[in-house]
Amino acid sequence: MKNMVEKEEKEVPVFIEGKEICFAVQDSDNINLYAKWMNNPKVRVFARWETPIRVEDMKKWFEPQEGRVPNFVVFEIWHKKDKKPIGQCGLGWINWVSGWANAFLYIGEPEYWGKNIATEATEMLIEYAFNELNLNKLHGGAAVENIGSWSVAEKVGFKFEGIQKNDMYVNGKYHDGKTYRILKEDWMNKKNKKD
């Protein structure tokens, strides 16, 4: 019982502070939670996690990668009021020379869907990518049926680029994907209009 209490009172290693949420460094202590999210049929349906993700395989994510330039940055999304991790987001396949990356995000706890958390997290991720990492372009994509994901992308300023026909195979049929991009210049112009 003592260990459970100590774990609940663990301080969140805040990396970026938001209004309702914060980004924290990935914590290997939460690996079972990540596996729960990524294997949940409701969460993974359009996330392209077609095969079960084992905790043993996930442990490799935390092993040192000596001699390699990191091309992924991943955060836990913490709900500040409820004091718990509810999802993950980050930048993948980062091209440090050309200045672009693929943005990704998922809320692993379905009770937090539809509460503008993904919108806040996406804006925080864009701000981090452009103003801390000095990237110039972010890509993103979602299945046409994944209205929540592409609605968030459009709401925060991602521009629709096109449809990828038969982009993913889910539940016995092929689904088209929508692709998006946002440039640093467009993001800064949008921010300046708000001021």
C-alpha atoms as a PDB file:
ATOM      1  CA  MET A   1       0.000   0.000   0.000  1.00  0.00           C
ATOM      2  CA  LYS A   2       2.859   2.381   0.787  1.00  0.00           C
ATOM      3  CA  ASN A   3       4.293   2.041  -2.741  1.00  0.00           C
ATOM      4  CA  MET A   4       0.935   2.983  -4.301  1.00  0.00           C
ATOM      5  CA  VAL A   5       0.711   6.130  -2.168  1.00  0.00           C
ATOM      6  CA  GLU A   6       4.282   7.120  -3.030  1.00  0.00           C
ATOM      7  CA  LYS A   7       3.593   6.618  -6.718  1.00  0.00           C
ATOM      8  CA  GLU A   8       0.444   8.790  -6.582  1.00  0.00           C
ATOM      9  CA  GLU A   9       2.389  11.626  -4.958  1.00  0.00           C
ATOM     10  CA  LYS A  10       5.210  11.506  -7.495  1.00  0.00           C
ATOM     11  CA  GLU A  11       6.025  14.966  -8.825  1.00  0.00           C
ATOM     12  CA  VAL A  12       5.313  15.509 -12.512  1.00  0.00           C
ATOM     13  CA  PRO A  13       8.511  16.358 -14.426  1.00  0.00           C
ATOM     14  CA  VAL A  14       6.959  19.296 -16.307  1.00  0.00           C
ATOM     15  CA  PHE A  15       8.734  20.177 -19.536  1.00  0.00           C
ATOM     16  CA  ILE A  16       6.141  22.536 -21.078  1.00  0.00           C
ATOM     17  CA  GLU A  17       3.314  24.149 -19.118  1.00  0.00           C
ATOM     18  CA  GLY A  18      -0.116  24.666 -20.690  1.00  0.00           C
ATOM     19  CA  LYS A  19      -3.458  25.864 -19.407  1.00  0.00           C
ATOM     20  CA  GLU A  20      -5.276  22.548 -18.819  1.00  0.00           C
ATOM     21  CA  ILE A  21      -2.393  20.210 -19.574  1.00  0.00           C
ATOM     22  CA  CYS A  22       1.373  20.018 -19.456  1.00  0.00           C
ATOM     23  CA  PHE A  23       3.964  18.024 -21.350  1.00  0.00           C
ATOM     24  CA  ALA A  24       6.185  15.804 -19.240  1.00  0.00           C
ATOM     25  CA  VAL A  25       9.167  13.670 -20.092  1.00  0.00           C
ATOM     26  CA  GLN A  26       8.285  10.082 -20.946  1.00  0.00           C
ATOM     27  CA  ASP A  27       8.599   7.930 -17.841  1.00  0.00           C
ATOM     28  CA  SER A  28       9.477   4.244 -18.046  1.00  0.00           C
ATOM     29  CA  ASP A  29       7.440   3.753 -14.846  1.00  0.00           C
ATOM     30  CA  ASN A  30       4.347   4.384 -16.995  1.00  0.00           C
ATOM     31  CA  ILE A  31       5.164   1.774 -19.617  1.00  0.00           C
ATOM     32  CA  ASN A  32       2.204  -0.434 -18.650  1.00  0.00           C
ATOM     33  CA  LEU A  33      -0.081   2.554 -19.136  1.00  0.00           C
ATOM     34  CA  TYR A  34       1.356   3.192 -22.616  1.00  0.00           C
ATOM     35  CA  ALA A  35       0.750  -0.460 -23.515  1.00  0.00           C
ATOM     36  CA  LYS A  36      -2.836  -0.216 -22.244  1.00  0.00           C
ATOM     37  CA  TRP A  37      -3.495   2.831 -24.430  1.00  0.00           C
ATOM     38  CA  MET A  38      -1.802   1.480 -27.541  1.00  0.00           C
ATOM     39  CA  ASN A  39      -3.584  -1.874 -27.342  1.00  0.00           C
ATOM     40  CA  ASN A  40      -7.040  -0.396 -26.626  1.00  0.00           C
ATOM     41  CA  PRO A  41      -9.233  -1.022 -29.710  1.00  0.00           C
ATOM     42  CA  LYS A  42     -10.947   2.385 -29.358  1.00  0.00           C
ATOM     43  CA  VAL A  43      -7.623   4.240 -29.225  1.00  0.00           C
ATOM     44  CA  ARG A  44      -5.637   2.272 -31.800  1.00  0.00           C
ATOM     45  CA  VAL A  45      -8.290   1.872 -34.506  1.00  0.00           C
ATOM     46  CA  PHE A  46      -6.860   4.551 -36.839  1.00  0.00           C
ATOM     47  CA  ALA A  47      -3.460   4.938 -35.161  1.00  0.00           C
ATOM     48  CA  ARG A  48      -1.859   2.205 -37.312  1.00  0.00           C
ATOM     49  CA  TRP A  49      -0.974  -0.051 -34.388  1.00  0.00           C
ATOM     50  CA  GLU A  50      -2.107  -3.208 -36.141  1.00  0.00           C
ATOM     51  CA  THR A  51      -0.211  -5.712 -34.025  1.00  0.00           C
ATOM     52  CA  PRO A  52      -0.153  -6.020 -30.233  1.00  0.00           C
ATOM     53  CA  ILE A  53       2.504  -3.889 -28.569  1.00  0.00           C
ATOM     54  CA  ARG A  54       4.275  -5.754 -25.780  1.00  0.00           C
ATOM     55  CA  VAL A  55       5.699  -4.097 -22.695  1.00  0.00           C
ATOM     56  CA  GLU A  56       8.973  -5.971 -23.308  1.00  0.00           C
ATOM     57  CA  ASP A  57       9.294  -4.344 -26.735  1.00  0.00           C
ATOM     58  CA  MET A  58       8.403  -0.922 -25.383  1.00  0.00           C
ATOM     59  CA  LYS A  59      11.244  -1.113 -22.855  1.00  0.00           C
ATOM     60  CA  LYS A  60      13.666  -0.792 -25.790  1.00  0.00           C
ATOM     61  CA  TRP A  61      12.366   2.755 -26.341  1.00  0.00           C
ATOM     62  CA  PHE A  62      14.101   3.773 -23.133  1.00  0.00           C
ATOM     63  CA  GLU A  63      17.483   2.217 -23.920  1.00  0.00           C
ATOM     64  CA  PRO A  64      20.323   4.665 -24.728  1.00  0.00           C
ATOM     65  CA  GLN A  65      20.904   5.266 -28.440  1.00  0.00           C
ATOM     66  CA  GLU A  66      24.606   6.129 -28.432  1.00  0.00           C
ATOM     67  CA  GLY A  67      26.011   7.720 -31.559  1.00  0.00           C
ATOM     68  CA  ARG A  68      22.621   8.441 -33.121  1.00  0.00           C
ATOM     69  CA  VAL A  69      21.062  11.844 -33.585  1.00  0.00           C
ATOM     70  CA  PRO A  70      17.569  11.573 -32.068  1.00  0.00           C
ATOM     71  CA  ASN A  71      14.829  11.732 -34.672  1.00  0.00           C
ATOM     72  CA  PHE A  72      11.886  11.370 -32.257  1.00  0.00           C
ATOM     73  CA  VAL A  73      10.785  13.607 -29.390  1.00  0.00           C
ATOM     74  CA  VAL A  74       7.936  12.159 -27.324  1.00  0.00           C
ATOM     75  CA  PHE A  75       6.038  13.665 -24.395  1.00  0.00           C
ATOM     76  CA  GLU A  76       3.453  12.442 -21.943  1.00  0.00           C
ATOM     77  CA  ILE A  77       0.355  14.630 -21.878  1.00  0.00           C
ATOM     78  CA  TRP A  78      -0.649  15.266 -18.250  1.00  0.00           C
ATOM     79  CA  HIS A  79      -4.018  16.584 -17.166  1.00  0.00           C
ATOM     80  CA  LYS A  80      -3.057  19.198 -14.582  1.00  0.00           C
ATOM     81  CA  LYS A  81      -6.249  19.208 -12.505  1.00  0.00           C
ATOM     82  CA  ASP A  82      -6.547  15.412 -12.400  1.00  0.00           C
ATOM     83  CA  LYS A  83      -2.770  14.993 -11.971  1.00  0.00           C
ATOM     84  CA  LYS A  84      -2.379  12.045 -14.303  1.00  0.00           C
ATOM     85  CA  PRO A  85      -1.011  11.169 -17.741  1.00  0.00           C
ATOM     86  CA  ILE A  86      -3.764  10.864 -20.371  1.00  0.00           C
ATOM     87  CA  GLY A  87      -1.882  10.485 -23.654  1.00  0.00           C
ATOM     88  CA  GLN A  88       1.243  11.118 -25.658  1.00  0.00           C
ATOM     89  CA  CYS A  89       2.384  13.422 -28.427  1.00  0.00           C
ATOM     90  CA  GLY A  90       5.553  14.278 -30.219  1.00  0.00           C
ATOM     91  CA  LEU A  91       7.564  14.770 -33.354  1.00  0.00           C
ATOM     92  CA  GLY A  92       8.756  11.856 -35.429  1.00  0.00           C
ATOM     93  CA  TRP A  93      11.138  11.286 -38.326  1.00  0.00           C
ATOM     94  CA  ILE A  94      12.727  14.659 -37.627  1.00  0.00           C
ATOM     95  CA  ASN A  95      14.905  15.899 -40.472  1.00  0.00           C
ATOM     96  CA  TRP A  96      17.256  18.319 -38.718  1.00  0.00           C
ATOM     97  CA  VAL A  97      18.859  19.535 -41.960  1.00  0.00           C
ATOM     98  CA  SER A  98      15.666  20.328 -43.884  1.00  0.00           C
ATOM     99  CA  GLY A  99      13.799  21.353 -40.731  1.00  0.00           C
ATOM    100  CA  TRP A 100      10.675  19.209 -40.829  1.00  0.00           C
ATOM    101  CA  ALA A 101       9.003  16.506 -38.760  1.00  0.00           C
ATOM    102  CA  ASN A 102       5.826  14.463 -38.522  1.00  0.00           C
ATOM    103  CA  ALA A 103       3.572  15.610 -35.671  1.00  0.00           C
ATOM    104  CA  PHE A 104       1.605  12.944 -33.800  1.00  0.00           C
ATOM    105  CA  LEU A 105      -0.733  12.866 -30.836  1.00  0.00           C
ATOM    106  CA  TYR A 106      -3.204  10.577 -29.148  1.00  0.00           C
ATOM    107  CA  ILE A 107      -5.334  10.790 -26.037  1.00  0.00           C
ATOM    108  CA  GLY A 108      -5.191   7.330 -24.495  1.00  0.00           C
ATOM    109  CA  GLU A 109      -8.002   7.913 -21.986  1.00  0.00           C
ATOM    110  CA  PRO A 110     -11.275   8.141 -23.961  1.00  0.00           C
ATOM    111  CA  GLU A 111     -13.061  10.075 -21.184  1.00  0.00           C
ATOM    112  CA  TYR A 112     -10.857  13.057 -22.147  1.00  0.00           C
ATOM    113  CA  TRP A 113     -11.906  13.021 -25.811  1.00  0.00           C
ATOM    114  CA  GLY A 114     -13.945  15.958 -27.090  1.00  0.00           C
ATOM    115  CA  LYS A 115     -12.711  18.365 -24.383  1.00  0.00           C
ATOM    116  CA  ASN A 116     -10.312  20.492 -26.490  1.00  0.00           C
ATOM    117  CA  ILE A 117      -7.302  18.795 -24.892  1.00  0.00           C
ATOM    118  CA  ALA A 118      -5.989  17.612 -28.269  1.00  0.00           C
ATOM    119  CA  THR A 119      -6.308  21.173 -29.589  1.00  0.00           C
ATOM    120  CA  GLU A 120      -4.292  22.622 -26.712  1.00  0.00           C
ATOM    121  CA  ALA A 121      -1.689  19.851 -26.998  1.00  0.00           C
ATOM    122  CA  THR A 122      -1.326  20.371 -30.755  1.00  0.00           C
ATOM    123  CA  GLU A 123      -0.805  24.103 -30.330  1.00  0.00           C
ATOM    124  CA  MET A 124       1.803  23.478 -27.630  1.00  0.00           C
ATOM    125  CA  LEU A 125       3.578  20.950 -29.857  1.00  0.00           C
ATOM    126  CA  ILE A 126       3.638  23.353 -32.821  1.00  0.00           C
ATOM    127  CA  GLU A 127       4.995  26.147 -30.637  1.00  0.00           C
ATOM    128  CA  TYR A 128       7.731  23.845 -29.316  1.00  0.00           C
ATOM    129  CA  ALA A 129       8.667  22.596 -32.810  1.00  0.00           C
ATOM    130  CA  PHE A 130       8.956  26.048 -34.345  1.00  0.00           C
ATOM    131  CA  ASN A 131      10.240  28.178 -31.485  1.00  0.00           C
ATOM    132  CA  GLU A 132      12.449  25.784 -29.523  1.00  0.00           C
ATOM    133  CA  LEU A 133      13.649  23.290 -32.123  1.00  0.00           C
ATOM    134  CA  ASN A 134      13.642  25.821 -34.983  1.00  0.00           C
ATOM    135  CA  LEU A 135      11.882  23.443 -37.364  1.00  0.00           C
ATOM    136  CA  ASN A 136      10.269  24.979 -40.447  1.00  0.00           C
ATOM    137  CA  LYS A 137       7.495  22.536 -41.374  1.00  0.00           C
ATOM    138  CA  LEU A 138       5.313  19.926 -39.697  1.00  0.00           C
ATOM    139  CA  HIS A 139       3.409  17.158 -41.448  1.00  0.00           C
ATOM    140  CA  GLY A 140       0.399  15.312 -40.129  1.00  0.00           C
ATOM    141  CA  GLY A 141      -2.235  12.927 -41.308  1.00  0.00           C
ATOM    142  CA  ALA A 142      -5.403  11.124 -40.308  1.00  0.00           C
ATOM    143  CA  ALA A 143      -7.908   8.728 -41.775  1.00  0.00           C
ATOM    144  CA  VAL A 144     -10.846  10.451 -43.447  1.00  0.00           C
ATOM    145  CA  GLU A 145     -13.108   8.737 -40.891  1.00  0.00           C
ATOM    146  CA  ASN A 146     -11.030  10.101 -37.978  1.00  0.00           C
ATOM    147  CA  ILE A 147     -12.924  13.391 -37.897  1.00  0.00           C
ATOM    148  CA  GLY A 148     -11.648  14.351 -34.442  1.00  0.00           C
ATOM    149  CA  SER A 149      -7.995  14.262 -35.522  1.00  0.00           C
ATOM    150  CA  TRP A 150      -8.241  16.150 -38.786  1.00  0.00           C
ATOM    151  CA  SER A 151     -10.692  18.664 -37.271  1.00  0.00           C
ATOM    152  CA  VAL A 152      -8.059  19.560 -34.660  1.00  0.00           C
ATOM    153  CA  ALA A 153      -5.417  19.898 -37.384  1.00  0.00           C
ATOM    154  CA  GLU A 154      -7.576  22.325 -39.366  1.00  0.00           C
ATOM    155  CA  LYS A 155      -8.630  24.246 -36.244  1.00  0.00           C
ATOM    156  CA  VAL A 156      -5.035  25.043 -35.240  1.00  0.00           C
ATOM    157  CA  GLY A 157      -3.898  26.029 -38.737  1.00  0.00           C
ATOM    158  CA  PHE A 158      -2.664  22.939 -40.573  1.00  0.00           C
ATOM    159  CA  LYS A 159      -3.360  23.222 -44.309  1.00  0.00           C
ATOM    160  CA  PHE A 160      -4.955  20.325 -46.166  1.00  0.00           C
ATOM    161  CA  GLU A 161      -2.582  18.923 -48.791  1.00  0.00           C
ATOM    162  CA  GLY A 162      -4.459  15.994 -50.267  1.00  0.00           C
ATOM    163  CA  ILE A 163      -6.018  12.576 -50.023  1.00  0.00           C
ATOM    164  CA  GLN A 164      -3.921   9.417 -49.954  1.00  0.00           C
ATOM    165  CA  LYS A 165      -6.135   6.762 -51.554  1.00  0.00           C
ATOM    166  CA  ASN A 166      -6.349   3.443 -49.706  1.00  0.00           C
ATOM    167  CA  ASP A 167      -3.782   4.711 -47.203  1.00  0.00           C
ATOM    168  CA  MET A 168      -4.568   2.234 -44.428  1.00  0.00           C
ATOM    169  CA  TYR A 169      -6.271  -1.104 -43.935  1.00  0.00           C
ATOM    170  CA  VAL A 170      -8.582  -1.117 -40.905  1.00  0.00           C
ATOM    171  CA  ASN A 171     -11.360  -3.546 -39.924  1.00  0.00           C
ATOM    172  CA  GLY A 172     -11.388  -5.409 -43.220  1.00  0.00           C
ATOM    173  CA  LYS A 173     -11.308  -2.481 -45.650  1.00  0.00           C
ATOM    174  CA  TYR A 174      -9.043   0.208 -47.061  1.00  0.00           C
ATOM    175  CA  HIS A 175      -9.450   3.790 -45.859  1.00  0.00           C
ATOM    176  CA  ASP A 176      -8.291   7.026 -47.428  1.00  0.00           C
ATOM    177  CA  GLY A 177      -6.043   9.350 -45.458  1.00  0.00           C
ATOM    178  CA  LYS A 178      -5.966  13.136 -45.322  1.00  0.00           C
ATOM    179  CA  THR A 179      -2.538  14.786 -45.283  1.00  0.00           C
ATOM    180  CA  TYR A 180      -1.732  18.168 -43.755  1.00  0.00           C
ATOM    181  CA  ARG A 181       1.173  20.567 -43.267  1.00  0.00           C
ATOM    182  CA  ILE A 182       1.916  23.745 -41.393  1.00  0.00           C
ATOM    183  CA  LEU A 183       4.836  26.074 -42.036  1.00  0.00           C
ATOM    184  CA  LYS A 184       6.562  28.126 -39.359  1.00  0.00           C
ATOM    185  CA  GLU A 185       5.798  31.299 -41.337  1.00  0.00           C
ATOM    186  CA  ASP A 186       2.051  30.507 -41.366  1.00  0.00           C
ATOM    187  CA  TRP A 187       2.061  29.747 -37.639  1.00  0.00           C
ATOM    188  CA  MET A 188       3.840  32.990 -36.788  1.00  0.00           C
ATOM    189  CA  ASN A 189       1.452  35.003 -38.995  1.00  0.00           C
ATOM    190  CA  LYS A 190      -1.544  33.384 -37.281  1.00  0.00           C
ATOM    191  CA  LYS A 191      -0.104  34.206 -33.841  1.00  0.00           C
ATOM    192  CA  ASN A 192       0.613  37.816 -34.833  1.00  0.00           C
ATOM    193  CA  LYS A 193      -2.995  38.293 -35.977  1.00  0.00           C
ATOM    194  CA  LYS A 194      -4.215  37.210 -32.519  1.00  0.00           C
ATOM    195  CA  ASP A 195      -2.048  39.841 -30.773  1.00  0.00           C
END
